[in-house]
PDB file of N, CA and C in Angstrom:
ATOM      1  N   MET A   1       0.841  -1.178   0.000  1.00  0.00           N
ATOM      2  CA  MET A   1       0.000   0.000   0.000  1.00  0.00           C
ATOM      3  C   MET A   1       0.890   1.245   0.000  1.00  0.00           C
ATOM      4  N   THR A   2       0.507   2.246  -0.771  1.00  0.00           N
ATOM      5  CA  THR A   2       1.275   3.479  -0.847  1.00  0.00           C
ATOM      6  C   THR A   2       0.346   4.676  -0.675  1.00  0.00           C
ATOM      7  N   LEU A   3       0.934   5.784  -0.312  1.00  0.00           N
ATOM      8  CA  LEU A   3       0.203   7.038  -0.211  1.00  0.00           C
ATOM      9  C   LEU A   3       0.922   8.035  -1.101  1.00  0.00           C
ATOM     10  N   ASP A   4       0.184   8.630  -2.031  1.00  0.00           N
ATOM     11  CA  ASP A   4       0.792   9.542  -3.008  1.00  0.00           C
ATOM     12  C   ASP A   4       1.209  10.849  -2.332  1.00  0.00           C
ATOM     13  N   THR A   5       2.489  11.153  -2.394  1.00  0.00           N
ATOM     14  CA  THR A   5       3.003  12.418  -1.860  1.00  0.00           C
ATOM     15  C   THR A   5       3.590  13.291  -2.969  1.00  0.00           C
ATOM     16  N   SER A   6       3.355  12.926  -4.217  1.00  0.00           N
ATOM     17  CA  SER A   6       3.910  13.722  -5.324  1.00  0.00           C
ATOM     18  C   SER A   6       3.277  15.114  -5.329  1.00  0.00           C
ATOM     19  N   GLY A   7       4.103  16.116  -5.568  1.00  0.00           N
ATOM     20  CA  GLY A   7       3.636  17.492  -5.596  1.00  0.00           C
ATOM     21  C   GLY A   7       3.433  18.109  -4.229  1.00  0.00           C
ATOM     22  N   LYS A   8       3.729  17.370  -3.177  1.00  0.00           N
ATOM     23  CA  LYS A   8       3.570  17.888  -1.815  1.00  0.00           C
ATOM     24  C   LYS A   8       4.878  18.529  -1.355  1.00  0.00           C
ATOM     25  N   ARG A   9       4.761  19.439  -0.400  1.00  0.00           N
ATOM     26  CA  ARG A   9       5.950  20.072   0.168  1.00  0.00           C
ATOM     27  C   ARG A   9       6.563  19.172   1.231  1.00  0.00           C
ATOM     28  N   LEU A  10       7.872  19.205   1.324  1.00  0.00           N
ATOM     29  CA  LEU A  10       8.575  18.466   2.365  1.00  0.00           C
ATOM     30  C   LEU A  10       8.187  19.029   3.720  1.00  0.00           C
ATOM     31  N   TYR A  11       8.017  18.164   4.723  1.00  0.00           N
ATOM     32  CA  TYR A  11       7.643  18.631   6.059  1.00  0.00           C
ATOM     33  C   TYR A  11       8.707  19.595   6.608  1.00  0.00           C
ATOM     34  N   ASP A  12       8.268  20.513   7.456  1.00  0.00           N
ATOM     35  CA  ASP A  12       9.131  21.505   8.111  1.00  0.00           C
ATOM     36  C   ASP A  12       9.857  22.409   7.108  1.00  0.00           C
ATOM     37  N   THR A  13       9.222  22.660   5.960  1.00  0.00           N
ATOM     38  CA  THR A  13       9.812  23.510   4.923  1.00  0.00           C
ATOM     39  C   THR A  13       8.829  24.613   4.562  1.00  0.00           C
ATOM     40  N   PRO A  14       9.032  25.814   5.097  1.00  0.00           N
ATOM     41  CA  PRO A  14       8.091  26.898   4.785  1.00  0.00           C
ATOM     42  C   PRO A  14       8.226  27.353   3.336  1.00  0.00           C
ATOM     43  N   ARG A  15       7.137  27.816   2.795  1.00  0.00           N
ATOM     44  CA  ARG A  15       7.147  28.333   1.425  1.00  0.00           C
ATOM     45  C   ARG A  15       7.846  29.683   1.368  1.00  0.00           C
ATOM     46  N   ASN A  16       7.676  30.517   2.404  1.00  0.00           N
ATOM     47  CA  ASN A  16       8.239  31.866   2.407  1.00  0.00           C
ATOM     48  C   ASN A  16       9.084  32.119   3.656  1.00  0.00           C
ATOM     49  N   LEU A  17      10.199  32.788   3.454  1.00  0.00           N
ATOM     50  CA  LEU A  17      11.048  33.260   4.552  1.00  0.00           C
ATOM     51  C   LEU A  17      11.417  34.706   4.229  1.00  0.00           C
ATOM     52  N   LEU A  18      11.357  35.571   5.216  1.00  0.00           N
ATOM     53  CA  LEU A  18      11.721  36.964   5.019  1.00  0.00           C
ATOM     54  C   LEU A  18      12.427  37.458   6.269  1.00  0.00           C
ATOM     55  N   SER A  19      13.514  38.155   6.070  1.00  0.00           N
ATOM     56  CA  SER A  19      14.257  38.742   7.180  1.00  0.00           C
ATOM     57  C   SER A  19      14.616  40.165   6.792  1.00  0.00           C
ATOM     58  N   ALA A  20      14.380  41.108   7.702  1.00  0.00           N
ATOM     59  CA  ALA A  20      14.694  42.511   7.427  1.00  0.00           C
ATOM     60  C   ALA A  20      15.055  43.194   8.735  1.00  0.00           C
ATOM     61  N   GLY A  21      15.824  44.250   8.625  1.00  0.00           N
ATOM     62  CA  GLY A  21      16.202  44.968   9.825  1.00  0.00           C
ATOM     63  C   GLY A  21      16.683  46.368   9.525  1.00  0.00           C
ATOM     64  N   VAL A  22      16.760  47.164  10.571  1.00  0.00           N
ATOM     65  CA  VAL A  22      17.328  48.500  10.494  1.00  0.00           C
ATOM     66  C   VAL A  22      18.387  48.600  11.590  1.00  0.00           C
ATOM     67  N   GLY A  23      19.413  49.380  11.320  1.00  0.00           N
ATOM     68  CA  GLY A  23      20.480  49.478  12.291  1.00  0.00           C
ATOM     69  C   GLY A  23      21.135  50.837  12.312  1.00  0.00           C
ATOM     70  N   TYR A  24      21.864  51.078  13.388  1.00  0.00           N
ATOM     71  CA  TYR A  24      22.630  52.300  13.582  1.00  0.00           C
ATOM     72  C   TYR A  24      23.976  51.891  14.160  1.00  0.00           C
ATOM     73  N   ASP A  25      25.049  52.531  13.681  1.00  0.00           N
ATOM     74  CA  ASP A  25      26.390  52.232  14.198  1.00  0.00           C
ATOM     75  C   ASP A  25      27.269  53.471  14.023  1.00  0.00           C
ATOM     76  N   ASN A  26      27.781  54.014  15.128  1.00  0.00           N
ATOM     77  CA  ASN A  26      28.690  55.148  15.045  1.00  0.00           C
ATOM     78  C   ASN A  26      30.110  54.764  15.493  1.00  0.00           C
ATOM     79  N   ARG A  27      30.418  53.488  15.447  1.00  0.00           N
ATOM     80  CA  ARG A  27      31.699  52.878  15.816  1.00  0.00           C
ATOM     81  C   ARG A  27      31.937  52.807  17.325  1.00  0.00           C
ATOM     82  N   THR A  28      31.074  53.403  18.103  1.00  0.00           N
ATOM     83  CA  THR A  28      31.135  53.229  19.555  1.00  0.00           C
ATOM     84  C   THR A  28      29.879  52.507  20.031  1.00  0.00           C
ATOM     85  N   PHE A  29      28.727  53.002  19.614  1.00  0.00           N
ATOM     86  CA  PHE A  29      27.439  52.411  19.985  1.00  0.00           C
ATOM     87  C   PHE A  29      26.772  51.865  18.723  1.00  0.00           C
ATOM     88  N   TYR A  30      26.107  50.713  18.860  1.00  0.00           N
ATOM     89  CA  TYR A  30      25.321  50.216  17.733  1.00  0.00           C
ATOM     90  C   TYR A  30      24.007  49.640  18.229  1.00  0.00           C
ATOM     91  N   ALA A  31      23.026  49.661  17.353  1.00  0.00           N
ATOM     92  CA  ALA A  31      21.703  49.117  17.651  1.00  0.00           C
ATOM     93  C   ALA A  31      21.129  48.534  16.362  1.00  0.00           C
ATOM     94  N   ASN A  32      20.456  47.405  16.486  1.00  0.00           N
ATOM     95  CA  ASN A  32      19.787  46.751  15.354  1.00  0.00           C
ATOM     96  C   ASN A  32      18.407  46.292  15.798  1.00  0.00           C
ATOM     97  N   PHE A  33      17.423  46.492  14.949  1.00  0.00           N
ATOM     98  CA  PHE A  33      16.085  45.950  15.170  1.00  0.00           C
ATOM     99  C   PHE A  33      15.796  45.058  13.974  1.00  0.00           C
ATOM    100  N   LEU A  34      15.590  43.771  14.235  1.00  0.00           N
ATOM    101  CA  LEU A  34      15.467  42.775  13.170  1.00  0.00           C
ATOM    102  C   LEU A  34      14.122  42.064  13.252  1.00  0.00           C
ATOM    103  N   GLY A  35      13.564  41.767  12.104  1.00  0.00           N
ATOM    104  CA  GLY A  35      12.328  40.991  12.034  1.00  0.00           C
ATOM    105  C   GLY A  35      12.526  39.785  11.139  1.00  0.00           C
ATOM    106  N   ARG A  36      11.920  38.666  11.529  1.00  0.00           N
ATOM    107  CA  ARG A  36      11.986  37.435  10.731  1.00  0.00           C
ATOM    108  C   ARG A  36      10.579  36.862  10.588  1.00  0.00           C
ATOM    109  N   HIS A  37      10.198  36.606   9.346  1.00  0.00           N
ATOM    110  CA  HIS A  37       8.914  35.959   9.094  1.00  0.00           C
ATOM    111  C   HIS A  37       9.173  34.582   8.494  1.00  0.00           C
ATOM    112  N   THR A  38       8.520  33.596   9.038  1.00  0.00           N
ATOM    113  CA  THR A  38       8.560  32.229   8.510  1.00  0.00           C
ATOM    114  C   THR A  38       7.132  31.858   8.141  1.00  0.00           C
ATOM    115  N   GLY A  39       6.919  31.508   6.878  1.00  0.00           N
ATOM    116  CA  GLY A  39       5.584  31.151   6.415  1.00  0.00           C
ATOM    117  C   GLY A  39       5.131  29.798   6.949  1.00  0.00           C
ATOM    118  N   SER A  40       3.912  29.440   6.634  1.00  0.00           N
ATOM    119  CA  SER A  40       3.355  28.170   7.109  1.00  0.00           C
ATOM    120  C   SER A  40       4.156  26.986   6.562  1.00  0.00           C
ATOM    121  N   PHE A  41       4.070  25.873   7.286  1.00  0.00           N
ATOM    122  CA  PHE A  41       4.758  24.649   6.868  1.00  0.00           C
ATOM    123  C   PHE A  41       3.913  23.456   7.283  1.00  0.00           C
ATOM    124  N   TYR A  42       4.310  22.286   6.818  1.00  0.00           N
ATOM    125  CA  TYR A  42       3.560  21.063   7.119  1.00  0.00           C
ATOM    126  C   TYR A  42       4.344  20.171   8.072  1.00  0.00           C
ATOM    127  N   GLY A  43       3.604  19.349   8.803  1.00  0.00           N
ATOM    128  CA  GLY A  43       4.214  18.431   9.753  1.00  0.00           C
ATOM    129  C   GLY A  43       4.322  17.007   9.234  1.00  0.00           C
ATOM    130  N   ASP A  44       3.892  16.770   7.999  1.00  0.00           N
ATOM    131  CA  ASP A  44       3.968  15.422   7.432  1.00  0.00           C
ATOM    132  C   ASP A  44       4.147  15.507   5.921  1.00  0.00           C
ATOM    133  N   LEU A  45       4.512  14.389   5.327  1.00  0.00           N
ATOM    134  CA  LEU A  45       4.764  14.355   3.881  1.00  0.00           C
ATOM    135  C   LEU A  45       3.487  14.420   3.043  1.00  0.00           C
ATOM    136  N   ALA A  46       2.345  14.044   3.624  1.00  0.00           N
ATOM    137  CA  ALA A  46       1.081  14.095   2.894  1.00  0.00           C
ATOM    138  C   ALA A  46       0.463  15.494   2.940  1.00  0.00           C
ATOM    139  N   ASN A  47       1.067  16.411   3.662  1.00  0.00           N
ATOM    140  CA  ASN A  47       0.599  17.793   3.805  1.00  0.00           C
ATOM    141  C   ASN A  47      -0.814  17.876   4.382  1.00  0.00           C
ATOM    142  N   LYS A  48      -1.083  17.048   5.391  1.00  0.00           N
ATOM    143  CA  LYS A  48      -2.384  17.076   6.061  1.00  0.00           C
ATOM    144  C   LYS A  48      -2.323  17.819   7.394  1.00  0.00           C
ATOM    145  N   GLU A  49      -1.137  18.106   7.885  1.00  0.00           N
ATOM    146  CA  GLU A  49      -0.951  18.783   9.173  1.00  0.00           C
ATOM    147  C   GLU A  49      -0.257  20.120   8.916  1.00  0.00           C
ATOM    148  N   LYS A  50      -1.057  21.168   8.664  1.00  0.00           N
ATOM    149  CA  LYS A  50      -0.498  22.484   8.335  1.00  0.00           C
ATOM    150  C   LYS A  50      -0.313  23.314   9.609  1.00  0.00           C
ATOM    151  N   ILE A  51       0.866  23.934   9.718  1.00  0.00           N
ATOM    152  CA  ILE A  51       1.212  24.760  10.867  1.00  0.00           C
ATOM    153  C   ILE A  51       1.332  26.204  10.382  1.00  0.00           C
ATOM    154  N   GLY A  52       0.723  27.116  11.107  1.00  0.00           N
ATOM    155  CA  GLY A  52       0.734  28.525  10.719  1.00  0.00           C
ATOM    156  C   GLY A  52       2.115  29.147  10.804  1.00  0.00           C
ATOM    157  N   GLY A  53       2.326  30.176  10.020  1.00  0.00           N
ATOM    158  CA  GLY A  53       3.591  30.904  10.041  1.00  0.00           C
ATOM    159  C   GLY A  53       3.694  31.793  11.269  1.00  0.00           C
ATOM    160  N   TYR A  54       4.836  32.445  11.407  1.00  0.00           N
ATOM    161  CA  TYR A  54       5.054  33.323  12.554  1.00  0.00           C
ATOM    162  C   TYR A  54       6.064  34.407  12.197  1.00  0.00           C
ATOM    163  N   THR A  55       6.010  35.500  12.952  1.00  0.00           N
ATOM    164  CA  THR A  55       6.940  36.608  12.785  1.00  0.00           C
ATOM    165  C   THR A  55       7.462  36.990  14.167  1.00  0.00           C
ATOM    166  N   VAL A  56       8.775  37.088  14.297  1.00  0.00           N
ATOM    167  CA  VAL A  56       9.388  37.494  15.568  1.00  0.00           C
ATOM    168  C   VAL A  56      10.353  38.649  15.316  1.00  0.00           C
ATOM    169  N   PHE A  57      10.585  39.435  16.366  1.00  0.00           N
ATOM    170  CA  PHE A  57      11.469  40.597  16.295  1.00  0.00           C
ATOM    171  C   PHE A  57      12.530  40.510  17.379  1.00  0.00           C
ATOM    172  N   ASP A  58      13.743  40.968  17.056  1.00  0.00           N
ATOM    173  CA  ASP A  58      14.869  40.980  17.989  1.00  0.00           C
ATOM    174  C   ASP A  58      15.472  42.379  18.032  1.00  0.00           C
ATOM    175  N   LEU A  59      16.012  42.751  19.196  1.00  0.00           N
ATOM    176  CA  LEU A  59      16.692  44.029  19.379  1.00  0.00           C
ATOM    177  C   LEU A  59      18.098  43.744  19.894  1.00  0.00           C
ATOM    178  N   ASN A  60      19.107  44.277  19.226  1.00  0.00           N
ATOM    179  CA  ASN A  60      20.504  44.079  19.609  1.00  0.00           C
ATOM    180  C   ASN A  60      21.145  45.433  19.881  1.00  0.00           C
ATOM    181  N   LEU A  61      21.808  45.556  21.030  1.00  0.00           N
ATOM    182  CA  LEU A  61      22.513  46.783  21.398  1.00  0.00           C
ATOM    183  C   LEU A  61      23.958  46.437  21.729  1.00  0.00           C
ATOM    184  N   GLY A  62      24.870  47.349  21.422  1.00  0.00           N
ATOM    185  CA  GLY A  62      26.270  47.107  21.746  1.00  0.00           C
ATOM    186  C   GLY A  62      27.009  48.401  22.000  1.00  0.00           C
ATOM    187  N   TYR A  63      28.027  48.312  22.853  1.00  0.00           N
ATOM    188  CA  TYR A  63      28.875  49.454  23.156  1.00  0.00           C
ATOM    189  C   TYR A  63      30.323  48.993  23.097  1.00  0.00           C
ATOM    190  N   ARG A  64      31.130  49.689  22.287  1.00  0.00           N
ATOM    191  CA  ARG A  64      32.526  49.316  22.106  1.00  0.00           C
ATOM    192  C   ARG A  64      33.433  50.199  22.965  1.00  0.00           C
ATOM    193  N   LEU A  65      34.334  49.566  23.695  1.00  0.00           N
ATOM    194  CA  LEU A  65      35.357  50.258  24.471  1.00  0.00           C
ATOM    195  C   LEU A  65      36.665  50.038  23.732  1.00  0.00           C
ATOM    196  N   ASN A  66      37.236  51.087  23.171  1.00  0.00           N
ATOM    197  CA  ASN A  66      38.426  50.970  22.335  1.00  0.00           C
ATOM    198  C   ASN A  66      39.670  51.476  23.047  1.00  0.00           C
ATOM    199  N   ASN A  67      40.817  50.889  22.675  1.00  0.00           N
ATOM    200  CA  ASN A  67      42.127  51.315  23.193  1.00  0.00           C
ATOM    201  C   ASN A  67      42.162  51.371  24.712  1.00  0.00           C
ATOM    202  N   LEU A  68      41.888  50.238  25.348  1.00  0.00           N
ATOM    203  CA  LEU A  68      41.845  50.183  26.804  1.00  0.00           C
ATOM    204  C   LEU A  68      43.232  50.233  27.433  1.00  0.00           C
ATOM    205  N   GLY A  69      44.244  49.873  26.673  1.00  0.00           N
ATOM    206  CA  GLY A  69      45.610  49.920  27.192  1.00  0.00           C
ATOM    207  C   GLY A  69      45.998  48.622  27.886  1.00  0.00           C
ATOM    208  N   GLY A  70      47.275  48.470  28.174  1.00  0.00           N
ATOM    209  CA  GLY A  70      47.766  47.253  28.816  1.00  0.00           C
ATOM    210  C   GLY A  70      47.550  46.044  27.936  1.00  0.00           C
ATOM    211  N   TYR A  71      47.103  44.959  28.529  1.00  0.00           N
ATOM    212  CA  TYR A  71      46.869  43.716  27.789  1.00  0.00           C
ATOM    213  C   TYR A  71      45.541  43.729  27.024  1.00  0.00           C
ATOM    214  N   LEU A  72      44.670  44.643  27.379  1.00  0.00           N
ATOM    215  CA  LEU A  72      43.361  44.707  26.732  1.00  0.00           C
ATOM    216  C   LEU A  72      43.374  45.759  25.631  1.00  0.00           C
ATOM    217  N   LYS A  73      43.048  45.335  24.433  1.00  0.00           N
ATOM    218  CA  LYS A  73      43.001  46.283  23.313  1.00  0.00           C
ATOM    219  C   LYS A  73      41.614  46.910  23.209  1.00  0.00           C
ATOM    220  N   ASN A  74      40.614  46.054  23.035  1.00  0.00           N
ATOM    221  CA  ASN A  74      39.239  46.523  22.853  1.00  0.00           C
ATOM    222  C   ASN A  74      38.290  45.572  23.561  1.00  0.00           C
ATOM    223  N   ALA A  75      37.105  46.076  23.866  1.00  0.00           N
ATOM    224  CA  ALA A  75      36.051  45.241  24.446  1.00  0.00           C
ATOM    225  C   ALA A  75      34.718  45.703  23.869  1.00  0.00           C
ATOM    226  N   THR A  76      33.779  44.783  23.765  1.00  0.00           N
ATOM    227  CA  THR A  76      32.436  45.118  23.300  1.00  0.00           C
ATOM    228  C   THR A  76      31.431  44.526  24.284  1.00  0.00           C
ATOM    229  N   LEU A  77      30.552  45.379  24.786  1.00  0.00           N
ATOM    230  CA  LEU A  77      29.461  44.958  25.657  1.00  0.00           C
ATOM    231  C   LEU A  77      28.211  44.825  24.798  1.00  0.00           C
ATOM    232  N   THR A  78      27.491  43.716  24.921  1.00  0.00           N
ATOM    233  CA  THR A  78      26.298  43.503  24.099  1.00  0.00           C
ATOM    234  C   THR A  78      25.092  43.184  24.966  1.00  0.00           C
ATOM    235  N   LEU A  79      23.940  43.572  24.479  1.00  0.00           N
ATOM    236  CA  LEU A  79      22.669  43.263  25.118  1.00  0.00           C
ATOM    237  C   LEU A  79      21.684  42.932  24.004  1.00  0.00           C
ATOM    238  N   ASN A  80      21.142  41.732  24.024  1.00  0.00           N
ATOM    239  CA  ASN A  80      20.230  41.265  22.973  1.00  0.00           C
ATOM    240  C   ASN A  80      18.900  40.871  23.597  1.00  0.00           C
ATOM    241  N   LEU A  81      17.825  41.400  23.060  1.00  0.00           N
ATOM    242  CA  LEU A  81      16.483  41.016  23.474  1.00  0.00           C
ATOM    243  C   LEU A  81      15.861  40.260  22.307  1.00  0.00           C
ATOM    244  N   ASN A  82      15.710  38.956  22.471  1.00  0.00           N
ATOM    245  CA  ASN A  82      15.165  38.088  21.426  1.00  0.00           C
ATOM    246  C   ASN A  82      13.674  37.878  21.645  1.00  0.00           C
ATOM    247  N   ASN A  83      12.916  37.828  20.558  1.00  0.00           N
ATOM    248  CA  ASN A  83      11.465  37.670  20.600  1.00  0.00           C
ATOM    249  C   ASN A  83      10.857  38.786  21.459  1.00  0.00           C
ATOM    250  N   VAL A  84      11.098  40.011  21.039  1.00  0.00           N
ATOM    251  CA  VAL A  84      10.719  41.221  21.789  1.00  0.00           C
ATOM    252  C   VAL A  84       9.268  41.189  22.253  1.00  0.00           C
ATOM    253  N   PHE A  85       8.343  40.777  21.407  1.00  0.00           N
ATOM    254  CA  PHE A  85       6.922  40.824  21.740  1.00  0.00           C
ATOM    255  C   PHE A  85       6.419  39.504  22.345  1.00  0.00           C
ATOM    256  N   ASP A  86       7.331  38.607  22.696  1.00  0.00           N
ATOM    257  CA  ASP A  86       7.033  37.326  23.349  1.00  0.00           C
ATOM    258  C   ASP A  86       5.986  36.512  22.589  1.00  0.00           C
ATOM    259  N   LYS A  87       6.163  36.423  21.284  1.00  0.00           N
ATOM    260  CA  LYS A  87       5.273  35.662  20.413  1.00  0.00           C
ATOM    261  C   LYS A  87       5.348  34.175  20.763  1.00  0.00           C
ATOM    262  N   GLN A  88       4.197  33.510  20.871  1.00  0.00           N
ATOM    263  CA  GLN A  88       4.166  32.066  21.085  1.00  0.00           C
ATOM    264  C   GLN A  88       3.903  31.407  19.732  1.00  0.00           C
ATOM    265  N   TYR A  89       4.747  30.442  19.385  1.00  0.00           N
ATOM    266  CA  TYR A  89       4.655  29.840  18.062  1.00  0.00           C
ATOM    267  C   TYR A  89       5.322  28.469  18.053  1.00  0.00           C
ATOM    268  N   LEU A  90       5.036  27.701  17.017  1.00  0.00           N
ATOM    269  CA  LEU A  90       5.728  26.444  16.771  1.00  0.00           C
ATOM    270  C   LEU A  90       6.813  26.733  15.752  1.00  0.00           C
ATOM    271  N   SER A  91       8.069  26.429  16.096  1.00  0.00           N
ATOM    272  CA  SER A  91       9.188  26.815  15.237  1.00  0.00           C
ATOM    273  C   SER A  91       9.654  25.713  14.305  1.00  0.00           C
ATOM    274  N   GLY A  92       9.190  24.505  14.486  1.00  0.00           N
ATOM    275  CA  GLY A  92       9.622  23.418  13.615  1.00  0.00           C
ATOM    276  C   GLY A  92       8.987  22.110  14.026  1.00  0.00           C
ATOM    277  N   VAL A  93       9.344  21.061  13.295  1.00  0.00           N
ATOM    278  CA  VAL A  93       8.760  19.750  13.550  1.00  0.00           C
ATOM    279  C   VAL A  93       9.827  18.673  13.396  1.00  0.00           C
ATOM    280  N   ASN A  94       9.774  17.687  14.267  1.00  0.00           N
ATOM    281  CA  ASN A  94      10.622  16.504  14.161  1.00  0.00           C
ATOM    282  C   ASN A  94       9.700  15.414  13.647  1.00  0.00           C
ATOM    283  N   SER A  95       9.745  15.164  12.367  1.00  0.00           N
ATOM    284  CA  SER A  95       8.751  14.288  11.778  1.00  0.00           C
ATOM    285  C   SER A  95       9.394  13.231  10.913  1.00  0.00           C
ATOM    286  N   GLY A  96       9.110  13.292   9.651  1.00  0.00           N
ATOM    287  CA  GLY A  96       9.537  12.238   8.743  1.00  0.00           C
ATOM    288  C   GLY A  96       8.397  11.278   8.513  1.00  0.00           C
ATOM    289  N   SER A  97       7.264  11.522   9.212  1.00  0.00           N
ATOM    290  CA  SER A  97       6.112  10.655   9.016  1.00  0.00           C
ATOM    291  C   SER A  97       5.461  10.962   7.675  1.00  0.00           C
ATOM    292  N   VAL A  98       4.770   9.995   7.144  1.00  0.00           N
ATOM    293  CA  VAL A  98       4.098  10.176   5.865  1.00  0.00           C
ATOM    294  C   VAL A  98       2.808  10.957   6.063  1.00  0.00           C
ATOM    295  N   SER A  99       2.037  10.596   7.099  1.00  0.00           N
ATOM    296  CA  SER A  99       0.759  11.267   7.301  1.00  0.00           C
ATOM    297  C   SER A  99       0.510  11.503   8.786  1.00  0.00           C
ATOM    298  N   ALA A 100      -0.080  12.663   9.087  1.00  0.00           N
ATOM    299  CA  ALA A 100      -0.470  12.987  10.453  1.00  0.00           C
ATOM    300  C   ALA A 100      -1.964  12.740  10.659  1.00  0.00           C
ATOM    301  N   ASP A 101      -2.609  12.131   9.686  1.00  0.00           N
ATOM    302  CA  ASP A 101      -4.044  11.864   9.748  1.00  0.00           C
ATOM    303  C   ASP A 101      -4.268  10.395  10.121  1.00  0.00           C
ATOM    304  N   PRO A 102      -4.901  10.129  11.280  1.00  0.00           N
ATOM    305  CA  PRO A 102      -5.123   8.733  11.705  1.00  0.00           C
ATOM    306  C   PRO A 102      -5.916   7.904  10.704  1.00  0.00           C
ATOM    307  N   VAL A 103      -6.624   8.538   9.770  1.00  0.00           N
ATOM    308  CA  VAL A 103      -7.369   7.802   8.742  1.00  0.00           C
ATOM    309  C   VAL A 103      -6.406   6.985   7.885  1.00  0.00           C
ATOM    310  N   ASP A 104      -5.182   7.500   7.686  1.00  0.00           N
ATOM    311  CA  ASP A 104      -4.152   6.784   6.924  1.00  0.00           C
ATOM    312  C   ASP A 104      -3.365   5.892   7.883  1.00  0.00           C
ATOM    313  N   ALA A 105      -4.048   4.951   8.512  1.00  0.00           N
ATOM    314  CA  ALA A 105      -3.466   4.161   9.598  1.00  0.00           C
ATOM    315  C   ALA A 105      -2.148   3.481   9.234  1.00  0.00           C
ATOM    316  N   ASP A 106      -1.978   3.035   7.987  1.00  0.00           N
ATOM    317  CA  ASP A 106      -0.740   2.358   7.594  1.00  0.00           C
ATOM    318  C   ASP A 106       0.453   3.316   7.569  1.00  0.00           C
ATOM    319  N   PHE A 107       0.178   4.608   7.468  1.00  0.00           N
ATOM    320  CA  PHE A 107       1.245   5.601   7.323  1.00  0.00           C
ATOM    321  C   PHE A 107       1.278   6.600   8.478  1.00  0.00           C
ATOM    322  N   TYR A 108       0.360   6.460   9.407  1.00  0.00           N
ATOM    323  CA  TYR A 108       0.167   7.457  10.455  1.00  0.00           C
ATOM    324  C   TYR A 108       1.295   7.470  11.485  1.00  0.00           C
ATOM    325  N   ASP A 109       1.723   8.667  11.827  1.00  0.00           N
ATOM    326  CA  ASP A 109       2.627   8.899  12.946  1.00  0.00           C
ATOM    327  C   ASP A 109       2.430  10.350  13.348  1.00  0.00           C
ATOM    328  N   ALA A 110       2.177  10.601  14.603  1.00  0.00           N
ATOM    329  CA  ALA A 110       1.948  11.976  15.063  1.00  0.00           C
ATOM    330  C   ALA A 110       3.262  12.752  15.082  1.00  0.00           C
ATOM    331  N   PRO A 111       3.313  13.891  14.420  1.00  0.00           N
ATOM    332  CA  PRO A 111       4.528  14.714  14.432  1.00  0.00           C
ATOM    333  C   PRO A 111       4.786  15.294  15.826  1.00  0.00           C
ATOM    334  N   GLN A 112       6.024  15.576  16.117  1.00  0.00           N
ATOM    335  CA  GLN A 112       6.401  16.234  17.367  1.00  0.00           C
ATOM    336  C   GLN A 112       6.922  17.621  17.009  1.00  0.00           C
ATOM    337  N   TYR A 113       6.325  18.650  17.602  1.00  0.00           N
ATOM    338  CA  TYR A 113       6.652  20.026  17.238  1.00  0.00           C
ATOM    339  C   TYR A 113       7.577  20.667  18.262  1.00  0.00           C
ATOM    340  N   TYR A 114       8.360  21.623  17.783  1.00  0.00           N
ATOM    341  CA  TYR A 114       9.237  22.408  18.645  1.00  0.00           C
ATOM    342  C   TYR A 114       8.544  23.722  18.954  1.00  0.00           C
ATOM    343  N   LYS A 115       8.464  24.051  20.216  1.00  0.00           N
ATOM    344  CA  LYS A 115       7.893  25.325  20.632  1.00  0.00           C
ATOM    345  C   LYS A 115       8.945  26.409  20.441  1.00  0.00           C
ATOM    346  N   GLY A 116       8.557  27.547  19.887  1.00  0.00           N
ATOM    347  CA  GLY A 116       9.479  28.656  19.680  1.00  0.00           C
ATOM    348  C   GLY A 116       9.976  29.221  21.004  1.00  0.00           C
ATOM    349  N   ALA A 117      11.177  29.752  20.989  1.00  0.00           N
ATOM    350  CA  ALA A 117      11.777  30.302  22.201  1.00  0.00           C
ATOM    351  C   ALA A 117      11.003  31.532  22.671  1.00  0.00           C
ATOM    352  N   PRO A 118      10.760  31.647  23.974  1.00  0.00           N
ATOM    353  CA  PRO A 118      10.084  32.831  24.494  1.00  0.00           C
ATOM    354  C   PRO A 118      11.035  34.026  24.522  1.00  0.00           C
ATOM    355  N   ARG A 119      10.533  35.164  24.970  1.00  0.00           N
ATOM    356  CA  ARG A 119      11.375  36.355  25.093  1.00  0.00           C
ATOM    357  C   ARG A 119      12.582  36.003  25.957  1.00  0.00           C
ATOM    358  N   ALA A 120      13.761  36.470  25.523  1.00  0.00           N
ATOM    359  CA  ALA A 120      14.992  36.187  26.267  1.00  0.00           C
ATOM    360  C   ALA A 120      15.919  37.387  26.199  1.00  0.00           C
ATOM    361  N   LEU A 121      16.538  37.706  27.324  1.00  0.00           N
ATOM    362  CA  LEU A 121      17.512  38.787  27.393  1.00  0.00           C
ATOM    363  C   LEU A 121      18.876  38.151  27.595  1.00  0.00           C
ATOM    364  N   VAL A 122      19.808  38.478  26.690  1.00  0.00           N
ATOM    365  CA  VAL A 122      21.153  37.881  26.728  1.00  0.00           C
ATOM    366  C   VAL A 122      22.182  39.015  26.724  1.00  0.00           C
ATOM    367  N   ALA A 123      23.067  38.990  27.704  1.00  0.00           N
ATOM    368  CA  ALA A 123      24.140  39.978  27.786  1.00  0.00           C
ATOM    369  C   ALA A 123      25.470  39.285  27.523  1.00  0.00           C
ATOM    370  N   GLY A 124      26.412  40.026  26.972  1.00  0.00           N
ATOM    371  CA  GLY A 124      27.715  39.428  26.695  1.00  0.00           C
ATOM    372  C   GLY A 124      28.823  40.463  26.671  1.00  0.00           C
ATOM    373  N   ILE A 125      30.023  39.956  26.726  1.00  0.00           N
ATOM    374  CA  ILE A 125      31.191  40.811  26.603  1.00  0.00           C
ATOM    375  C   ILE A 125      32.237  40.042  25.778  1.00  0.00           C
ATOM    376  N   SER A 126      32.866  40.753  24.865  1.00  0.00           N
ATOM    377  CA  SER A 126      33.979  40.169  24.118  1.00  0.00           C
ATOM    378  C   SER A 126      35.177  41.086  24.309  1.00  0.00           C
ATOM    379  N   ILE A 127      36.344  40.462  24.471  1.00  0.00           N
ATOM    380  CA  ILE A 127      37.557  41.208  24.776  1.00  0.00           C
ATOM    381  C   ILE A 127      38.650  40.819  23.800  1.00  0.00           C
ATOM    382  N   ASP A 128      39.321  41.805  23.214  1.00  0.00           N
ATOM    383  CA  ASP A 128      40.491  41.583  22.359  1.00  0.00           C
ATOM    384  C   ASP A 128      41.735  41.738  23.219  1.00  0.00           C
ATOM    385  N   ILE A 129      42.607  40.720  23.194  1.00  0.00           N
ATOM    386  CA  ILE A 129      43.854  40.824  23.970  1.00  0.00           C
ATOM    387  C   ILE A 129      45.053  40.818  23.053  1.00  0.00           C
TER     388      ILE A 129
END
């Protein structure tokens, strides 16, 4: 027994991806505001389990300390706020199943989805020696 998957999209493969951002950098301070859109995708090869797309935004800030002297040449302090608006979404699927529809019992396997990361604040420092 077979299930026709010809002409179907591969699972976990969105049709559309878009990334855009705006930034400012004066060689001491920098800021970036980035947006990423991922279109809808499927959780199975038969394209019976459709997952909606999502859009998330990130904010990145940095401050450069130059010519510190001694063993330290330069340092950069960073602060990143990921998923600024705390969007809840499914970011992907661990599948490989043919169908997510129990009617196709010979091919059925329930996909397992990855929950998108919630809002996160990450700070960092990099040092040139």
